[in-house]
C-alpha atoms as a PDB file:
ATOM      1  CA  MET A   1       9.849 -78.345  87.698  1.00  0.00           C
ATOM      2  CA  ASN A   2      12.137 -75.605  86.347  1.00  0.00           C
ATOM      3  CA  HIS A   3      14.079 -75.953  83.147  1.00  0.00           C
ATOM      4  CA  THR A   4      16.300 -73.682  81.136  1.00  0.00           C
ATOM      5  CA  VAL A   5      16.021 -73.156  77.413  1.00  0.00           C
ATOM      6  CA  ASN A   6      19.290 -73.297  75.502  1.00  0.00           C
ATOM      7  CA  ASN A   7      19.012 -71.428  72.209  1.00  0.00           C
ATOM      8  CA  THR A   8      22.738 -70.919  71.622  1.00  0.00           C
ATOM      9  CA  TYR A   9      22.683 -73.271  68.630  1.00  0.00           C
ATOM     10  CA  ARG A  10      20.857 -70.531  66.710  1.00  0.00           C
ATOM     11  CA  ASN A  11      23.960 -68.316  66.873  1.00  0.00           C
ATOM     12  CA  ILE A  12      26.478 -70.876  65.623  1.00  0.00           C
ATOM     13  CA  PRO A  13      27.807 -69.587  62.303  1.00  0.00           C
ATOM     14  CA  PHE A  14      27.811 -71.684  59.160  1.00  0.00           C
ATOM     15  CA  THR A  15      31.181 -73.165  58.158  1.00  0.00           C
ATOM     16  CA  ASP A  16      32.829 -74.699  55.100  1.00  0.00           C
ATOM     17  CA  GLU A  17      31.509 -78.106  56.177  1.00  0.00           C
ATOM     18  CA  THR A  18      27.957 -76.748  56.493  1.00  0.00           C
ATOM     19  CA  PRO A  19      27.582 -73.875  54.013  1.00  0.00           C
ATOM     20  CA  LYS A  20      24.515 -71.723  54.311  1.00  0.00           C
ATOM     21  CA  ASP A  21      23.878 -71.871  50.554  1.00  0.00           C
ATOM     22  CA  GLU A  22      23.037 -75.589  50.669  1.00  0.00           C
ATOM     23  CA  PHE A  23      19.996 -75.149  52.915  1.00  0.00           C
ATOM     24  CA  TYR A  24      16.463 -74.232  51.901  1.00  0.00           C
ATOM     25  CA  SER A  25      15.252 -71.419  54.156  1.00  0.00           C
ATOM     26  CA  PHE A  26      11.529 -71.157  54.817  1.00  0.00           C
ATOM     27  CA  PHE A  27       9.916 -67.847  53.937  1.00  0.00           C
ATOM     28  CA  ASP A  28       6.258 -66.979  53.918  1.00  0.00           C
ATOM     29  CA  ALA A  29       5.163 -66.077  50.402  1.00  0.00           C
ATOM     30  CA  SER A  30       4.491 -62.517  51.577  1.00  0.00           C
ATOM     31  CA  GLU A  31       8.120 -62.232  52.779  1.00  0.00           C
ATOM     32  CA  LEU A  32       9.640 -63.246  49.447  1.00  0.00           C
ATOM     33  CA  ARG A  33       8.918 -59.903  47.800  1.00  0.00           C
ATOM     34  CA  ASN A  34      10.648 -58.080  50.655  1.00  0.00           C
ATOM     35  CA  LEU A  35      13.775 -60.254  50.265  1.00  0.00           C
ATOM     36  CA  CYS A  36      14.382 -59.029  46.745  1.00  0.00           C
ATOM     37  CA  ASP A  37      15.967 -55.804  45.715  1.00  0.00           C
ATOM     38  CA  ASP A  38      17.439 -54.470  42.496  1.00  0.00           C
ATOM     39  CA  GLU A  39      20.956 -55.427  43.575  1.00  0.00           C
ATOM     40  CA  MET A  40      20.116 -59.091  44.150  1.00  0.00           C
ATOM     41  CA  VAL A  41      22.763 -61.070  42.283  1.00  0.00           C
ATOM     42  CA  VAL A  42      23.002 -64.187  44.404  1.00  0.00           C
ATOM     43  CA  ALA A  43      20.095 -66.611  44.316  1.00  0.00           C
ATOM     44  CA  LYS A  44      18.597 -67.687  47.631  1.00  0.00           C
ATOM     45  CA  LYS A  45      17.360 -71.230  48.095  1.00  0.00           C
ATOM     46  CA  CYS A  46      13.939 -71.063  49.645  1.00  0.00           C
ATOM     47  CA  ARG A  47      10.938 -73.111  50.608  1.00  0.00           C
ATOM     48  CA  THR A  48       7.547 -71.446  50.678  1.00  0.00           C
ATOM     49  CA  ILE A  49       3.853 -72.190  50.844  1.00  0.00           C
ATOM     50  CA  GLY A  50       1.285 -70.177  48.946  1.00  0.00           C
ATOM     51  CA  THR A  51      -1.400 -70.072  46.313  1.00  0.00           C
ATOM     52  CA  LEU A  52      -0.210 -70.808  42.792  1.00  0.00           C
ATOM     53  CA  PHE A  53      -2.280 -69.510  39.909  1.00  0.00           C
ATOM     54  CA  SER A  54      -1.842 -69.021  36.208  1.00  0.00           C
ATOM     55  CA  GLU A  55      -2.503 -65.813  34.327  1.00  0.00           C
ATOM     56  CA  ASN A  56      -1.798 -65.313  30.622  1.00  0.00           C
ATOM     57  CA  GLY A  57       0.316 -68.475  30.544  1.00  0.00           C
ATOM     58  CA  ARG A  58       2.540 -67.440  33.470  1.00  0.00           C
ATOM     59  CA  HIS A  59       2.506 -68.863  36.981  1.00  0.00           C
ATOM     60  CA  TYR A  60       2.366 -66.594  40.031  1.00  0.00           C
ATOM     61  CA  LEU A  61       2.573 -67.276  43.753  1.00  0.00           C
ATOM     62  CA  GLU A  62       0.965 -65.277  46.516  1.00  0.00           C
ATOM     63  CA  SER A  63       0.525 -65.687  50.243  1.00  0.00           C
ATOM     64  CA  ILE A  64      -2.305 -67.861  51.538  1.00  0.00           C
ATOM     65  CA  GLU A  65      -3.544 -65.030  53.739  1.00  0.00           C
ATOM     66  CA  SER A  66      -3.513 -62.255  51.134  1.00  0.00           C
ATOM     67  CA  SER A  67      -6.091 -61.341  48.571  1.00  0.00           C
ATOM     68  CA  GLN A  68      -4.960 -61.241  44.952  1.00  0.00           C
ATOM     69  CA  ARG A  69      -3.027 -58.010  44.554  1.00  0.00           C
ATOM     70  CA  GLU A  70      -0.512 -57.580  41.777  1.00  0.00           C
ATOM     71  CA  ASP A  71       2.126 -56.058  44.062  1.00  0.00           C
ATOM     72  CA  SER A  72       2.140 -59.080  46.394  1.00  0.00           C
ATOM     73  CA  ARG A  73       2.595 -61.828  43.820  1.00  0.00           C
ATOM     74  CA  ILE A  74       5.849 -63.401  42.686  1.00  0.00           C
ATOM     75  CA  GLN A  75       6.360 -64.928  39.277  1.00  0.00           C
ATOM     76  CA  VAL A  76       7.233 -68.629  39.320  1.00  0.00           C
ATOM     77  CA  SER A  77       9.308 -70.247  36.595  1.00  0.00           C
ATOM     78  CA  MET A  78       8.773 -73.966  36.033  1.00  0.00           C
ATOM     79  CA  MET A  79      11.699 -74.227  33.608  1.00  0.00           C
ATOM     80  CA  TYR A  80      14.015 -76.151  35.962  1.00  0.00           C
ATOM     81  CA  MET A  81      11.483 -78.485  37.523  1.00  0.00           C
ATOM     82  CA  GLU A  82      12.845 -81.931  38.350  1.00  0.00           C
ATOM     83  CA  SER A  83       9.477 -83.525  37.716  1.00  0.00           C
ATOM     84  CA  GLU A  84       6.914 -82.905  34.994  1.00  0.00           C
ATOM     85  CA  ARG A  85       5.911 -79.247  34.582  1.00  0.00           C
ATOM     86  CA  MET A  86       2.555 -78.114  35.887  1.00  0.00           C
ATOM     87  CA  PRO A  87       0.044 -77.117  33.235  1.00  0.00           C
ATOM     88  CA  SER A  88      -1.687 -73.750  33.284  1.00  0.00           C
ATOM     89  CA  VAL A  89      -4.766 -74.117  35.437  1.00  0.00           C
ATOM     90  CA  VAL A  90      -7.912 -72.075  35.808  1.00  0.00           C
ATOM     91  CA  MET A  91      -8.373 -72.714  39.526  1.00  0.00           C
ATOM     92  CA  PRO A  92      -5.654 -71.543  41.953  1.00  0.00           C
ATOM     93  CA  GLN A  93      -3.903 -74.328  43.879  1.00  0.00           C
ATOM     94  CA  THR A  94      -2.245 -74.271  47.277  1.00  0.00           C
ATOM     95  CA  VAL A  95       1.308 -75.532  46.934  1.00  0.00           C
ATOM     96  CA  GLN A  96       4.622 -75.926  48.691  1.00  0.00           C
ATOM     97  CA  LEU A  97       7.529 -74.808  46.511  1.00  0.00           C
ATOM     98  CA  PHE A  98      11.232 -75.528  46.767  1.00  0.00           C
ATOM     99  CA  GLY A  99      13.384 -73.370  44.544  1.00  0.00           C
ATOM    100  CA  GLU A 100      15.696 -70.413  44.146  1.00  0.00           C
ATOM    101  CA  LEU A 101      14.625 -66.799  44.407  1.00  0.00           C
ATOM    102  CA  MET A 102      16.350 -64.603  41.807  1.00  0.00           C
ATOM    103  CA  TRP A 103      16.078 -61.131  40.393  1.00  0.00           C
ATOM    104  CA  ARG A 104      15.341 -61.050  36.650  1.00  0.00           C
ATOM    105  CA  ASN A 105      13.987 -57.514  36.131  1.00  0.00           C
ATOM    106  CA  ARG A 106      11.540 -58.569  38.860  1.00  0.00           C
ATOM    107  CA  PRO A 107      11.537 -61.260  41.549  1.00  0.00           C
ATOM    108  CA  VAL A 108      11.262 -64.744  40.044  1.00  0.00           C
ATOM    109  CA  LEU A 109      11.107 -68.016  41.948  1.00  0.00           C
ATOM    110  CA  MET A 110      12.774 -70.785  39.928  1.00  0.00           C
ATOM    111  CA  ALA A 111      10.858 -73.826  41.143  1.00  0.00           C
ATOM    112  CA  TRP A 112      12.639 -77.159  41.548  1.00  0.00           C
ATOM    113  CA  ILE A 113       9.897 -79.055  43.362  1.00  0.00           C
ATOM    114  CA  VAL A 114       6.165 -78.238  43.518  1.00  0.00           C
ATOM    115  CA  MET A 115       3.907 -80.129  45.915  1.00  0.00           C
ATOM    116  CA  VAL A 116       0.160 -79.554  45.489  1.00  0.00           C
ATOM    117  CA  MET A 117      -1.806 -79.881  48.736  1.00  0.00           C
ATOM    118  CA  SER A 118      -5.229 -79.151  50.110  1.00  0.00           C
ATOM    119  CA  ALA A 119      -5.922 -75.662  51.446  1.00  0.00           C
ATOM    120  CA  SER A 120      -6.361 -76.855  55.036  1.00  0.00           C
ATOM    121  CA  THR A 121      -3.049 -78.754  54.941  1.00  0.00           C
ATOM    122  CA  ALA A 122      -1.257 -75.757  53.436  1.00  0.00           C
ATOM    123  CA  ILE A 123      -2.602 -73.401  56.123  1.00  0.00           C
ATOM    124  CA  LYS A 124      -1.589 -75.775  58.929  1.00  0.00           C
ATOM    125  CA  LEU A 125       1.850 -76.432  57.460  1.00  0.00           C
ATOM    126  CA  ASN A 126       2.441 -72.717  56.901  1.00  0.00           C
ATOM    127  CA  LYS A 127       1.541 -71.961  60.512  1.00  0.00           C
ATOM    128  CA  VAL A 128       3.758 -74.740  61.877  1.00  0.00           C
ATOM    129  CA  LEU A 129       6.755 -73.804  59.716  1.00  0.00           C
ATOM    130  CA  ASN A 130       6.453 -70.142  60.709  1.00  0.00           C
ATOM    131  CA  GLU A 131       6.470 -71.144  64.395  1.00  0.00           C
ATOM    132  CA  VAL A 132       9.452 -73.458  63.930  1.00  0.00           C
ATOM    133  CA  LYS A 133      11.282 -70.705  62.054  1.00  0.00           C
ATOM    134  CA  GLN A 134      10.680 -68.233  64.882  1.00  0.00           C
ATOM    135  CA  LEU A 135      11.759 -70.661  67.601  1.00  0.00           C
ATOM    136  CA  HIS A 136      14.599 -72.538  65.928  1.00  0.00           C
ATOM    137  CA  GLY A 137      15.714 -70.579  62.869  1.00  0.00           C
ATOM    138  CA  ALA A 138      19.347 -69.580  62.569  1.00  0.00           C
ATOM    139  CA  VAL A 139      20.133 -65.981  63.433  1.00  0.00           C
ATOM    140  CA  PRO A 140      21.315 -64.103  60.315  1.00  0.00           C
ATOM    141  CA  PRO A 141      25.093 -63.537  60.232  1.00  0.00           C
ATOM    142  CA  ASN A 142      24.786 -59.747  60.418  1.00  0.00           C
ATOM    143  CA  MET A 143      23.168 -60.171  63.832  1.00  0.00           C
ATOM    144  CA  TYR A 144      26.143 -62.025  65.345  1.00  0.00           C
ATOM    145  CA  GLN A 145      27.798 -60.076  68.077  1.00  0.00           C
ATOM    146  CA  ASP A 146      31.559 -59.942  68.398  1.00  0.00           C
ATOM    147  CA  ASP A 147      32.933 -60.560  71.857  1.00  0.00           C
ATOM    148  CA  THR A 148      36.256 -58.964  70.967  1.00  0.00           C
END
């Protein structure tokens, strides 16, 4: 049985009723570093999954797939957490973070919500969210094509 796939909803632009800034976009922890640049003034709401660890009293996030390299980690600030702040821990934890990515002399993820999960759950959820993002994610506005 033949069927057609309609992906036109991905190209519908955001409007005043549905502003883009109100949505949390999923990014793999390895992609977060590439999103930032020195000119980044506007914060981006994001959701990510990675390994959270503490070093010298500061929290850092890195991708589940990567080994610990200093250039791939992102600093995480727990200052604006809605729930109780996470203590510094010796063992790294796999987490899902909701927050805002900002530039403060370096990329910093201001965490609003931190959900600790098992490594197997984090790997599965990361894989599923990456697939959903590829299939159903909105096309960035700079990729819209004018018909005029």
